[in-house]
């Protein structure tokens, strides 16, 4: 008996590390102090440009969107979903990303598949100015079926203490501006799969989507960093909500001070066809759709009324629109 017979292929793991080293190194900046392969990642935490730097961190996964990627044998985008999701989470606190660490677990390591997944992580880290400084690849034959894998990650960013966006100053009358999503992003896939795969194949072209079902479901989770960072620098935002599980109302309520509520104008933007398809095929109630999905709004910015037009103009590339207001309870 040896480790390979028990289901763990050390040689495959070594091959994967050799393949991804050049990719991972391409995300490094001057602050990364250790090469790939050390027991811990080293990052220079001097921030001469900040008076009082505060580190902001978040950990997440991509849920059952993985089942779509695996079924379609498309593994190059799921890593981008993960990084962009995590970037948006810390962006909601006003932070910019510094570095990212991933966890890839599988039943039997397929080096080619893992390389594609990590290449997606690398691409998104480079797009977001974030170093991929560490990770773990675990071959767990007793936990995952062959062909299955899971993916999770942790991001660390930084923000000036007096520039933290935490919603504390939100007041009645403030305007809610929505930034359009690229689809489901990384939430609601268990419901979407249960509804849609009863009636359609993933490779089936659906005219109302103008795409196959699988490609529509694999639309990459959008990063809002490039659009929102200039707004933060201009101090135009008093609150930011990343719309994930819980929908628009559930996530935006998280940042409201006590005594305030949301008046959402649900008809002010066009809900993307993928959500209408889920609603119709599954006979899903309006309340449930609003509770589970982003319905086309991936991030909500809370702004003072006098700044609303400026923010709309600066986020026009995100197809931004006013989606409601903050009101007193």
C-alpha atoms as a PDB file:
ATOM      1  CA  UNK A   1       0.000   0.000   0.000  1.00  0.00           C
ATOM      2  CA  UNK A   2       1.174   3.511  -0.785  1.00  0.00           C
ATOM      3  CA  UNK A   3      -0.347   7.007  -0.854  1.00  0.00           C
ATOM      4  CA  UNK A   4      -1.207   6.793  -4.546  1.00  0.00           C
ATOM      5  CA  UNK A   5      -3.118   3.545  -3.991  1.00  0.00           C
ATOM      6  CA  UNK A   6      -5.033   5.315  -1.206  1.00  0.00           C
ATOM      7  CA  UNK A   7      -6.089   7.966  -3.718  1.00  0.00           C
ATOM      8  CA  UNK A   8      -3.581  10.805  -3.296  1.00  0.00           C
ATOM      9  CA  UNK A   9      -1.129  11.498  -6.126  1.00  0.00           C
ATOM     10  CA  UNK A  10       1.800  13.550  -4.816  1.00  0.00           C
ATOM     11  CA  UNK A  11       3.432  13.617  -8.239  1.00  0.00           C
ATOM     12  CA  UNK A  12       0.328  15.246  -9.753  1.00  0.00           C
ATOM     13  CA  UNK A  13       0.395  17.882  -7.024  1.00  0.00           C
ATOM     14  CA  UNK A  14       4.044  18.620  -7.739  1.00  0.00           C
ATOM     15  CA  UNK A  15       3.290  18.910 -11.450  1.00  0.00           C
ATOM     16  CA  UNK A  16       0.487  21.374 -10.754  1.00  0.00           C
ATOM     17  CA  UNK A  17       2.754  23.573  -8.642  1.00  0.00           C
ATOM     18  CA  UNK A  18       5.382  23.556 -11.392  1.00  0.00           C
ATOM     19  CA  UNK A  19       2.771  24.582 -13.981  1.00  0.00           C
ATOM     20  CA  UNK A  20       1.215  27.397 -11.981  1.00  0.00           C
ATOM     21  CA  UNK A  21       4.379  29.007 -10.599  1.00  0.00           C
ATOM     22  CA  UNK A  22       4.864  31.370 -13.575  1.00  0.00           C
ATOM     23  CA  UNK A  23       1.153  32.268 -13.524  1.00  0.00           C
ATOM     24  CA  UNK A  24       1.115  33.027  -9.816  1.00  0.00           C
ATOM     25  CA  UNK A  25       4.360  35.020  -9.955  1.00  0.00           C
ATOM     26  CA  UNK A  26       2.775  37.257 -12.603  1.00  0.00           C
ATOM     27  CA  UNK A  27       0.470  38.676  -9.895  1.00  0.00           C
ATOM     28  CA  UNK A  28       3.305  39.602  -7.511  1.00  0.00           C
ATOM     29  CA  UNK A  29       4.159  43.206  -6.743  1.00  0.00           C
ATOM     30  CA  UNK A  30       7.014  44.763  -4.780  1.00  0.00           C
ATOM     31  CA  UNK A  31       5.293  43.946  -1.481  1.00  0.00           C
ATOM     32  CA  UNK A  32       5.376  40.166  -1.981  1.00  0.00           C
ATOM     33  CA  UNK A  33       8.493  38.942  -0.173  1.00  0.00           C
ATOM     34  CA  UNK A  34       8.368  35.162  -0.649  1.00  0.00           C
ATOM     35  CA  UNK A  35       8.283  32.979  -3.742  1.00  0.00           C
ATOM     36  CA  UNK A  36       5.750  30.234  -4.415  1.00  0.00           C
ATOM     37  CA  UNK A  37       6.294  27.192  -2.216  1.00  0.00           C
ATOM     38  CA  UNK A  38       7.117  28.604   1.207  1.00  0.00           C
ATOM     39  CA  UNK A  39       5.157  27.467   4.268  1.00  0.00           C
ATOM     40  CA  UNK A  40       3.716  30.939   4.618  1.00  0.00           C
ATOM     41  CA  UNK A  41       3.256  33.934   2.332  1.00  0.00           C
ATOM     42  CA  UNK A  42       5.113  37.122   3.238  1.00  0.00           C
ATOM     43  CA  UNK A  43       3.732  40.567   2.433  1.00  0.00           C
ATOM     44  CA  UNK A  44       5.305  43.914   3.282  1.00  0.00           C
ATOM     45  CA  UNK A  45       2.670  45.783   5.310  1.00  0.00           C
ATOM     46  CA  UNK A  46       4.214  49.248   5.237  1.00  0.00           C
ATOM     47  CA  UNK A  47       1.739  51.730   3.779  1.00  0.00           C
ATOM     48  CA  UNK A  48       3.601  55.011   3.577  1.00  0.00           C
ATOM     49  CA  UNK A  49       0.712  56.632   1.712  1.00  0.00           C
ATOM     50  CA  UNK A  50      -1.743  55.943   4.567  1.00  0.00           C
ATOM     51  CA  UNK A  51      -1.869  57.639   7.971  1.00  0.00           C
ATOM     52  CA  UNK A  52      -3.812  54.871   9.730  1.00  0.00           C
ATOM     53  CA  UNK A  53      -4.151  51.760   7.545  1.00  0.00           C
ATOM     54  CA  UNK A  54      -6.850  49.237   8.472  1.00  0.00           C
ATOM     55  CA  UNK A  55      -6.769  45.718   7.039  1.00  0.00           C
ATOM     56  CA  UNK A  56     -10.061  44.370   5.691  1.00  0.00           C
ATOM     57  CA  UNK A  57     -10.554  40.653   5.015  1.00  0.00           C
ATOM     58  CA  UNK A  58     -13.225  38.347   3.636  1.00  0.00           C
ATOM     59  CA  UNK A  59     -13.602  34.638   2.848  1.00  0.00           C
ATOM     60  CA  UNK A  60     -16.066  33.126   0.394  1.00  0.00           C
ATOM     61  CA  UNK A  61     -16.759  30.411  -2.152  1.00  0.00           C
ATOM     62  CA  UNK A  62     -18.721  30.134  -5.386  1.00  0.00           C
ATOM     63  CA  UNK A  63     -21.369  27.639  -4.278  1.00  0.00           C
ATOM     64  CA  UNK A  64     -23.108  25.313  -6.699  1.00  0.00           C
ATOM     65  CA  UNK A  65     -22.136  27.411  -9.716  1.00  0.00           C
ATOM     66  CA  UNK A  66     -19.283  24.910  -9.639  1.00  0.00           C
ATOM     67  CA  UNK A  67     -21.718  22.197 -10.754  1.00  0.00           C
ATOM     68  CA  UNK A  68     -22.405  24.159 -13.941  1.00  0.00           C
ATOM     69  CA  UNK A  69     -18.701  24.656 -14.644  1.00  0.00           C
ATOM     70  CA  UNK A  70     -17.974  20.966 -14.074  1.00  0.00           C
ATOM     71  CA  UNK A  71     -20.915  19.790 -16.187  1.00  0.00           C
ATOM     72  CA  UNK A  72     -19.854  22.063 -19.067  1.00  0.00           C
ATOM     73  CA  UNK A  73     -16.141  21.307 -18.644  1.00  0.00           C
ATOM     74  CA  UNK A  74     -15.455  25.048 -18.479  1.00  0.00           C
ATOM     75  CA  UNK A  75     -13.025  25.776 -15.658  1.00  0.00           C
ATOM     76  CA  UNK A  76     -11.370  29.040 -16.714  1.00  0.00           C
ATOM     77  CA  UNK A  77     -14.009  31.415 -15.348  1.00  0.00           C
ATOM     78  CA  UNK A  78     -14.889  30.065 -11.908  1.00  0.00           C
ATOM     79  CA  UNK A  79     -11.695  31.460 -10.367  1.00  0.00           C
ATOM     80  CA  UNK A  80     -12.546  34.896 -11.731  1.00  0.00           C
ATOM     81  CA  UNK A  81     -15.974  34.615 -10.109  1.00  0.00           C
ATOM     82  CA  UNK A  82     -14.367  33.930  -6.746  1.00  0.00           C
ATOM     83  CA  UNK A  83     -11.805  36.733  -6.819  1.00  0.00           C
ATOM     84  CA  UNK A  84     -14.293  39.322  -8.078  1.00  0.00           C
ATOM     85  CA  UNK A  85     -16.837  38.313  -5.434  1.00  0.00           C
ATOM     86  CA  UNK A  86     -14.257  38.755  -2.672  1.00  0.00           C
ATOM     87  CA  UNK A  87     -13.008  42.058  -4.131  1.00  0.00           C
ATOM     88  CA  UNK A  88     -16.565  43.398  -4.057  1.00  0.00           C
ATOM     89  CA  UNK A  89     -17.024  42.284  -0.454  1.00  0.00           C
ATOM     90  CA  UNK A  90     -14.122  44.337   0.871  1.00  0.00           C
ATOM     91  CA  UNK A  91     -14.913  47.164  -1.565  1.00  0.00           C
ATOM     92  CA  UNK A  92     -18.196  47.502   0.334  1.00  0.00           C
ATOM     93  CA  UNK A  93     -16.052  48.667   3.279  1.00  0.00           C
ATOM     94  CA  UNK A  94     -14.110  51.103   1.110  1.00  0.00           C
ATOM     95  CA  UNK A  95     -11.039  48.871   0.836  1.00  0.00           C
ATOM     96  CA  UNK A  96      -8.779  48.097  -2.117  1.00  0.00           C
ATOM     97  CA  UNK A  97      -7.400  44.556  -2.440  1.00  0.00           C
ATOM     98  CA  UNK A  98      -3.841  43.626  -1.512  1.00  0.00           C
ATOM     99  CA  UNK A  99      -3.568  39.839  -1.714  1.00  0.00           C
ATOM    100  CA  UNK A 100      -5.595  36.679  -2.178  1.00  0.00           C
ATOM    101  CA  UNK A 101      -5.254  33.058  -1.046  1.00  0.00           C
ATOM    102  CA  UNK A 102      -7.194  30.140  -2.519  1.00  0.00           C
ATOM    103  CA  UNK A 103      -8.264  26.665  -1.419  1.00  0.00           C
ATOM    104  CA  UNK A 104      -8.859  24.059  -4.148  1.00  0.00           C
ATOM    105  CA  UNK A 105     -10.134  20.639  -3.037  1.00  0.00           C
ATOM    106  CA  UNK A 106     -10.944  17.679  -5.254  1.00  0.00           C
ATOM    107  CA  UNK A 107     -11.550  13.938  -5.188  1.00  0.00           C
ATOM    108  CA  UNK A 108      -8.849  13.132  -7.738  1.00  0.00           C
ATOM    109  CA  UNK A 109      -6.474  15.827  -8.887  1.00  0.00           C
ATOM    110  CA  UNK A 110      -6.768  16.547 -12.604  1.00  0.00           C
ATOM    111  CA  UNK A 111      -3.778  18.791 -13.231  1.00  0.00           C
ATOM    112  CA  UNK A 112      -5.222  20.293 -16.414  1.00  0.00           C
ATOM    113  CA  UNK A 113      -8.500  21.242 -14.720  1.00  0.00           C
ATOM    114  CA  UNK A 114      -6.783  22.684 -11.655  1.00  0.00           C
ATOM    115  CA  UNK A 115      -4.446  24.699 -13.864  1.00  0.00           C
ATOM    116  CA  UNK A 116      -7.426  26.249 -15.668  1.00  0.00           C
ATOM    117  CA  UNK A 117      -9.114  27.124 -12.372  1.00  0.00           C
ATOM    118  CA  UNK A 118      -5.969  28.768 -11.021  1.00  0.00           C
ATOM    119  CA  UNK A 119      -5.389  30.587 -14.316  1.00  0.00           C
ATOM    120  CA  UNK A 120      -8.809  32.179 -13.737  1.00  0.00           C
ATOM    121  CA  UNK A 121      -7.761  33.239 -10.250  1.00  0.00           C
ATOM    122  CA  UNK A 122      -4.586  34.732 -11.681  1.00  0.00           C
ATOM    123  CA  UNK A 123      -6.432  36.646 -14.410  1.00  0.00           C
ATOM    124  CA  UNK A 124      -8.832  38.230 -11.919  1.00  0.00           C
ATOM    125  CA  UNK A 125      -6.075  39.035  -9.437  1.00  0.00           C
ATOM    126  CA  UNK A 126      -4.156  40.857 -12.158  1.00  0.00           C
ATOM    127  CA  UNK A 127      -7.284  42.733 -13.273  1.00  0.00           C
ATOM    128  CA  UNK A 128      -7.950  43.851  -9.689  1.00  0.00           C
ATOM    129  CA  UNK A 129      -4.344  44.704  -8.809  1.00  0.00           C
ATOM    130  CA  UNK A 130      -4.209  41.888  -6.268  1.00  0.00           C
ATOM    131  CA  UNK A 131      -1.367  39.432  -5.584  1.00  0.00           C
ATOM    132  CA  UNK A 132      -2.146  35.710  -5.428  1.00  0.00           C
ATOM    133  CA  UNK A 133       0.365  34.939  -2.692  1.00  0.00           C
ATOM    134  CA  UNK A 134      -0.707  31.548  -1.398  1.00  0.00           C
ATOM    135  CA  UNK A 135      -3.058  28.633  -1.651  1.00  0.00           C
ATOM    136  CA  UNK A 136      -3.776  25.011  -0.863  1.00  0.00           C
ATOM    137  CA  UNK A 137      -4.529  22.130  -3.191  1.00  0.00           C
ATOM    138  CA  UNK A 138      -6.131  19.177  -1.392  1.00  0.00           C
ATOM    139  CA  UNK A 139      -6.797  15.754  -2.905  1.00  0.00           C
ATOM    140  CA  UNK A 140      -9.547  14.204  -0.777  1.00  0.00           C
ATOM    141  CA  UNK A 141     -10.886  11.005  -2.377  1.00  0.00           C
ATOM    142  CA  UNK A 142     -13.022  10.148   0.629  1.00  0.00           C
ATOM    143  CA  UNK A 143     -14.867  13.503   0.518  1.00  0.00           C
ATOM    144  CA  UNK A 144     -15.323  14.322  -3.186  1.00  0.00           C
ATOM    145  CA  UNK A 145     -16.368  12.168  -6.113  1.00  0.00           C
ATOM    146  CA  UNK A 146     -13.949  11.943  -9.023  1.00  0.00           C
ATOM    147  CA  UNK A 147     -14.452  14.979 -11.249  1.00  0.00           C
ATOM    148  CA  UNK A 148     -15.856  17.137  -8.464  1.00  0.00           C
ATOM    149  CA  UNK A 149     -13.973  19.983  -6.832  1.00  0.00           C
ATOM    150  CA  UNK A 150     -14.586  22.889  -4.491  1.00  0.00           C
ATOM    151  CA  UNK A 151     -13.069  26.346  -4.500  1.00  0.00           C
ATOM    152  CA  UNK A 152     -12.852  28.983  -1.792  1.00  0.00           C
ATOM    153  CA  UNK A 153     -10.670  31.989  -1.144  1.00  0.00           C
ATOM    154  CA  UNK A 154      -9.622  34.673   1.305  1.00  0.00           C
ATOM    155  CA  UNK A 155      -8.844  38.254   0.387  1.00  0.00           C
ATOM    156  CA  UNK A 156      -7.070  40.937   2.392  1.00  0.00           C
ATOM    157  CA  UNK A 157      -7.281  44.623   1.535  1.00  0.00           C
ATOM    158  CA  UNK A 158      -6.547  47.969   3.129  1.00  0.00           C
ATOM    159  CA  UNK A 159      -8.381  51.226   3.766  1.00  0.00           C
ATOM    160  CA  UNK A 160      -7.541  54.470   5.527  1.00  0.00           C
ATOM    161  CA  UNK A 161      -9.326  54.401   8.884  1.00  0.00           C
ATOM    162  CA  UNK A 162     -11.181  57.673   8.348  1.00  0.00           C
ATOM    163  CA  UNK A 163     -12.207  56.493   4.853  1.00  0.00           C
ATOM    164  CA  UNK A 164     -13.960  53.312   5.997  1.00  0.00           C
ATOM    165  CA  UNK A 165     -17.443  53.031   4.487  1.00  0.00           C
ATOM    166  CA  UNK A 166     -19.687  51.408   7.100  1.00  0.00           C
ATOM    167  CA  UNK A 167     -23.065  53.077   6.562  1.00  0.00           C
ATOM    168  CA  UNK A 168     -23.105  54.841   9.932  1.00  0.00           C
ATOM    169  CA  UNK A 169     -23.803  58.240   8.370  1.00  0.00           C
ATOM    170  CA  UNK A 170     -26.657  57.040   6.130  1.00  0.00           C
ATOM    171  CA  UNK A 171     -29.751  59.229   6.637  1.00  0.00           C
ATOM    172  CA  UNK A 172     -33.347  59.373   5.469  1.00  0.00           C
ATOM    173  CA  UNK A 173     -33.513  60.870   1.990  1.00  0.00           C
ATOM    174  CA  UNK A 174     -30.270  59.317   0.759  1.00  0.00           C
ATOM    175  CA  UNK A 175     -30.457  57.871  -2.743  1.00  0.00           C
ATOM    176  CA  UNK A 176     -29.883  54.231  -3.723  1.00  0.00           C
ATOM    177  CA  UNK A 177     -27.979  53.804  -6.979  1.00  0.00           C
ATOM    178  CA  UNK A 178     -27.776  50.318  -8.449  1.00  0.00           C
ATOM    179  CA  UNK A 179     -24.906  48.996 -10.581  1.00  0.00           C
ATOM    180  CA  UNK A 180     -25.974  46.324 -13.040  1.00  0.00           C
ATOM    181  CA  UNK A 181     -25.001  42.696 -12.514  1.00  0.00           C
ATOM    182  CA  UNK A 182     -23.769  40.357 -15.242  1.00  0.00           C
ATOM    183  CA  UNK A 183     -26.275  37.666 -14.258  1.00  0.00           C
ATOM    184  CA  UNK A 184     -26.672  35.501 -11.178  1.00  0.00           C
ATOM    185  CA  UNK A 185     -23.072  36.256 -10.142  1.00  0.00           C
ATOM    186  CA  UNK A 186     -22.413  33.530  -7.524  1.00  0.00           C
ATOM    187  CA  UNK A 187     -25.729  33.211  -5.693  1.00  0.00           C
ATOM    188  CA  UNK A 188     -28.981  31.329  -6.114  1.00  0.00           C
ATOM    189  CA  UNK A 189     -27.604  28.482  -8.222  1.00  0.00           C
ATOM    190  CA  UNK A 190     -29.209  25.714  -6.209  1.00  0.00           C
ATOM    191  CA  UNK A 191     -32.648  27.138  -6.996  1.00  0.00           C
ATOM    192  CA  UNK A 192     -31.715  28.019 -10.581  1.00  0.00           C
ATOM    193  CA  UNK A 193     -30.397  24.524 -11.270  1.00  0.00           C
ATOM    194  CA  UNK A 194     -33.412  22.847  -9.670  1.00  0.00           C
ATOM    195  CA  UNK A 195     -35.775  24.879 -11.854  1.00  0.00           C
ATOM    196  CA  UNK A 196     -33.978  25.162 -15.184  1.00  0.00           C
ATOM    197  CA  UNK A 197     -32.347  21.759 -15.530  1.00  0.00           C
ATOM    198  CA  UNK A 198     -35.756  20.135 -15.271  1.00  0.00           C
ATOM    199  CA  UNK A 199     -36.658  21.694 -18.616  1.00  0.00           C
ATOM    200  CA  UNK A 200     -33.453  22.557 -20.469  1.00  0.00           C
ATOM    201  CA  UNK A 201     -30.028  21.130 -21.255  1.00  0.00           C
ATOM    202  CA  UNK A 202     -26.991  23.255 -20.475  1.00  0.00           C
ATOM    203  CA  UNK A 203     -25.950  23.186 -24.143  1.00  0.00           C
ATOM    204  CA  UNK A 204     -29.416  24.179 -25.340  1.00  0.00           C
ATOM    205  CA  UNK A 205     -29.699  27.562 -27.064  1.00  0.00           C
ATOM    206  CA  UNK A 206     -32.500  29.639 -25.535  1.00  0.00           C
ATOM    207  CA  UNK A 207     -33.652  32.508 -27.784  1.00  0.00           C
ATOM    208  CA  UNK A 208     -34.738  34.803 -24.963  1.00  0.00           C
ATOM    209  CA  UNK A 209     -31.253  34.537 -23.464  1.00  0.00           C
ATOM    210  CA  UNK A 210     -29.554  34.791 -26.862  1.00  0.00           C
ATOM    211  CA  UNK A 211     -27.178  32.135 -25.537  1.00  0.00           C
ATOM    212  CA  UNK A 212     -27.042  28.562 -24.374  1.00  0.00           C
ATOM    213  CA  UNK A 213     -28.320  28.042 -20.857  1.00  0.00           C
ATOM    214  CA  UNK A 214     -24.886  26.997 -19.638  1.00  0.00           C
ATOM    215  CA  UNK A 215     -23.089  30.068 -20.966  1.00  0.00           C
ATOM    216  CA  UNK A 216     -25.757  32.344 -19.460  1.00  0.00           C
ATOM    217  CA  UNK A 217     -25.320  30.678 -16.079  1.00  0.00           C
ATOM    218  CA  UNK A 218     -21.532  30.964 -16.269  1.00  0.00           C
ATOM    219  CA  UNK A 219     -21.501  34.739 -16.866  1.00  0.00           C
ATOM    220  CA  UNK A 220     -18.617  36.019 -14.748  1.00  0.00           C
ATOM    221  CA  UNK A 221     -19.344  37.778 -11.475  1.00  0.00           C
ATOM    222  CA  UNK A 222     -18.541  41.418 -12.183  1.00  0.00           C
ATOM    223  CA  UNK A 223     -15.922  43.337 -10.193  1.00  0.00           C
ATOM    224  CA  UNK A 224     -16.920  46.928  -9.423  1.00  0.00           C
ATOM    225  CA  UNK A 225     -13.521  48.060  -8.160  1.00  0.00           C
ATOM    226  CA  UNK A 226     -12.548  50.246 -11.119  1.00  0.00           C
ATOM    227  CA  UNK A 227     -15.890  52.049 -11.127  1.00  0.00           C
ATOM    228  CA  UNK A 228     -16.272  52.508  -7.375  1.00  0.00           C
ATOM    229  CA  UNK A 229     -12.674  53.387  -6.387  1.00  0.00           C
ATOM    230  CA  UNK A 230     -12.854  56.888  -7.949  1.00  0.00           C
ATOM    231  CA  UNK A 231     -16.108  57.528  -6.067  1.00  0.00           C
ATOM    232  CA  UNK A 232     -14.421  56.579  -2.806  1.00  0.00           C
ATOM    233  CA  UNK A 233     -11.504  58.911  -3.551  1.00  0.00           C
ATOM    234  CA  UNK A 234     -13.984  61.743  -4.104  1.00  0.00           C
ATOM    235  CA  UNK A 235     -15.852  60.796  -0.881  1.00  0.00           C
ATOM    236  CA  UNK A 236     -19.171  60.555  -2.712  1.00  0.00           C
ATOM    237  CA  UNK A 237     -20.482  57.427  -0.962  1.00  0.00           C
ATOM    238  CA  UNK A 238     -21.993  56.950   2.490  1.00  0.00           C
ATOM    239  CA  UNK A 239     -22.798  53.261   2.068  1.00  0.00           C
ATOM    240  CA  UNK A 240     -22.059  50.308  -0.224  1.00  0.00           C
ATOM    241  CA  UNK A 241     -23.865  46.960  -0.367  1.00  0.00           C
ATOM    242  CA  UNK A 242     -22.629  43.989  -2.392  1.00  0.00           C
ATOM    243  CA  UNK A 243     -25.754  42.146  -3.520  1.00  0.00           C
ATOM    244  CA  UNK A 244     -25.218  38.456  -2.807  1.00  0.00           C
ATOM    245  CA  UNK A 245     -27.440  35.849  -1.141  1.00  0.00           C
ATOM    246  CA  UNK A 246     -30.361  37.692   0.436  1.00  0.00           C
ATOM    247  CA  UNK A 247     -31.033  39.921  -2.549  1.00  0.00           C
ATOM    248  CA  UNK A 248     -31.124  43.691  -2.875  1.00  0.00           C
ATOM    249  CA  UNK A 249     -33.162  44.433   0.218  1.00  0.00           C
ATOM    250  CA  UNK A 250     -31.549  41.856   2.495  1.00  0.00           C
ATOM    251  CA  UNK A 251     -28.007  42.990   1.747  1.00  0.00           C
ATOM    252  CA  UNK A 252     -28.651  46.747   1.703  1.00  0.00           C
ATOM    253  CA  UNK A 253     -30.484  46.548   5.034  1.00  0.00           C
ATOM    254  CA  UNK A 254     -27.274  45.220   6.602  1.00  0.00           C
ATOM    255  CA  UNK A 255     -25.630  48.656   6.380  1.00  0.00           C
ATOM    256  CA  UNK A 256     -28.587  50.790   7.569  1.00  0.00           C
ATOM    257  CA  UNK A 257     -28.496  52.490  10.978  1.00  0.00           C
ATOM    258  CA  UNK A 258     -31.408  51.761  13.305  1.00  0.00           C
ATOM    259  CA  UNK A 259     -34.621  53.607  12.565  1.00  0.00           C
ATOM    260  CA  UNK A 260     -34.145  53.575   8.796  1.00  0.00           C
ATOM    261  CA  UNK A 261     -35.703  51.460   6.041  1.00  0.00           C
ATOM    262  CA  UNK A 262     -35.563  51.060   2.265  1.00  0.00           C
ATOM    263  CA  UNK A 263     -38.038  52.268  -0.318  1.00  0.00           C
ATOM    264  CA  UNK A 264     -36.989  50.265  -3.377  1.00  0.00           C
ATOM    265  CA  UNK A 265     -38.439  51.180  -6.771  1.00  0.00           C
ATOM    266  CA  UNK A 266     -38.583  47.647  -8.163  1.00  0.00           C
ATOM    267  CA  UNK A 267     -39.770  48.693 -11.603  1.00  0.00           C
ATOM    268  CA  UNK A 268     -36.996  51.205 -12.329  1.00  0.00           C
ATOM    269  CA  UNK A 269     -34.639  48.798 -14.096  1.00  0.00           C
ATOM    270  CA  UNK A 270     -35.040  45.966 -16.566  1.00  0.00           C
ATOM    271  CA  UNK A 271     -34.644  42.562 -14.918  1.00  0.00           C
ATOM    272  CA  UNK A 272     -32.348  40.385 -17.098  1.00  0.00           C
ATOM    273  CA  UNK A 273     -34.014  37.521 -19.003  1.00  0.00           C
ATOM    274  CA  UNK A 274     -32.287  34.767 -17.008  1.00  0.00           C
ATOM    275  CA  UNK A 275     -34.242  35.781 -13.902  1.00  0.00           C
ATOM    276  CA  UNK A 276     -37.544  35.945 -15.774  1.00  0.00           C
ATOM    277  CA  UNK A 277     -36.859  32.446 -17.102  1.00  0.00           C
ATOM    278  CA  UNK A 278     -36.258  31.088 -13.593  1.00  0.00           C
ATOM    279  CA  UNK A 279     -39.357  32.815 -12.264  1.00  0.00           C
ATOM    280  CA  UNK A 280     -41.571  31.451 -15.041  1.00  0.00           C
ATOM    281  CA  UNK A 281     -40.200  27.914 -15.264  1.00  0.00           C
ATOM    282  CA  UNK A 282     -40.269  27.345 -11.517  1.00  0.00           C
ATOM    283  CA  UNK A 283     -43.380  29.358 -10.760  1.00  0.00           C
ATOM    284  CA  UNK A 284     -41.216  31.121  -8.194  1.00  0.00           C
ATOM    285  CA  UNK A 285     -42.969  33.866  -6.234  1.00  0.00           C
ATOM    286  CA  UNK A 286     -41.907  37.487  -6.577  1.00  0.00           C
ATOM    287  CA  UNK A 287     -40.937  37.621  -2.901  1.00  0.00           C
ATOM    288  CA  UNK A 288     -38.747  34.540  -3.263  1.00  0.00           C
ATOM    289  CA  UNK A 289     -37.053  35.902  -6.386  1.00  0.00           C
ATOM    290  CA  UNK A 290     -36.260  39.136  -4.542  1.00  0.00           C
ATOM    291  CA  UNK A 291     -34.964  37.233  -1.514  1.00  0.00           C
ATOM    292  CA  UNK A 292     -32.678  34.850  -3.419  1.00  0.00           C
ATOM    293  CA  UNK A 293     -31.356  36.694  -6.492  1.00  0.00           C
ATOM    294  CA  UNK A 294     -29.755  40.041  -7.314  1.00  0.00           C
ATOM    295  CA  UNK A 295     -32.308  40.533 -10.153  1.00  0.00           C
ATOM    296  CA  UNK A 296     -29.831  42.521 -12.206  1.00  0.00           C
ATOM    297  CA  UNK A 297     -28.337  44.777  -9.522  1.00  0.00           C
ATOM    298  CA  UNK A 298     -24.916  43.633  -8.340  1.00  0.00           C
ATOM    299  CA  UNK A 299     -24.030  46.534  -6.047  1.00  0.00           C
ATOM    300  CA  UNK A 300     -25.961  49.326  -4.359  1.00  0.00           C
ATOM    301  CA  UNK A 301     -24.345  52.691  -3.642  1.00  0.00           C
ATOM    302  CA  UNK A 302     -25.902  54.967  -1.038  1.00  0.00           C
ATOM    303  CA  UNK A 303     -25.316  58.646  -1.784  1.00  0.00           C
ATOM    304  CA  UNK A 304     -26.496  62.045  -0.644  1.00  0.00           C
ATOM    305  CA  UNK A 305     -29.229  63.487  -2.910  1.00  0.00           C
ATOM    306  CA  UNK A 306     -26.948  66.291  -4.072  1.00  0.00           C
ATOM    307  CA  UNK A 307     -24.351  63.750  -5.272  1.00  0.00           C
ATOM    308  CA  UNK A 308     -26.727  61.408  -7.090  1.00  0.00           C
ATOM    309  CA  UNK A 309     -26.313  62.881 -10.584  1.00  0.00           C
ATOM    310  CA  UNK A 310     -22.536  63.002 -10.262  1.00  0.00           C
ATOM    311  CA  UNK A 311     -22.390  59.342  -9.217  1.00  0.00           C
ATOM    312  CA  UNK A 312     -24.729  58.321 -12.025  1.00  0.00           C
ATOM    313  CA  UNK A 313     -22.519  60.089 -14.556  1.00  0.00           C
ATOM    314  CA  UNK A 314     -19.336  58.525 -13.196  1.00  0.00           C
ATOM    315  CA  UNK A 315     -20.843  55.010 -13.219  1.00  0.00           C
ATOM    316  CA  UNK A 316     -22.559  55.173 -16.595  1.00  0.00           C
ATOM    317  CA  UNK A 317     -20.397  52.276 -17.832  1.00  0.00           C
ATOM    318  CA  UNK A 318     -22.055  50.098 -15.171  1.00  0.00           C
ATOM    319  CA  UNK A 319     -25.522  51.002 -16.520  1.00  0.00           C
ATOM    320  CA  UNK A 320     -26.267  52.588 -13.153  1.00  0.00           C
ATOM    321  CA  UNK A 321     -29.714  53.831 -12.200  1.00  0.00           C
ATOM    322  CA  UNK A 322     -31.606  55.124  -9.195  1.00  0.00           C
ATOM    323  CA  UNK A 323     -33.393  52.182  -7.571  1.00  0.00           C
ATOM    324  CA  UNK A 324     -34.885  53.813  -4.490  1.00  0.00           C
ATOM    325  CA  UNK A 325     -34.288  55.842  -1.351  1.00  0.00           C
ATOM    326  CA  UNK A 326     -33.592  55.513   2.338  1.00  0.00           C
ATOM    327  CA  UNK A 327     -36.616  56.388   4.485  1.00  0.00           C
ATOM    328  CA  UNK A 328     -37.497  56.591   8.161  1.00  0.00           C
ATOM    329  CA  UNK A 329     -39.204  53.536   9.620  1.00  0.00           C
END
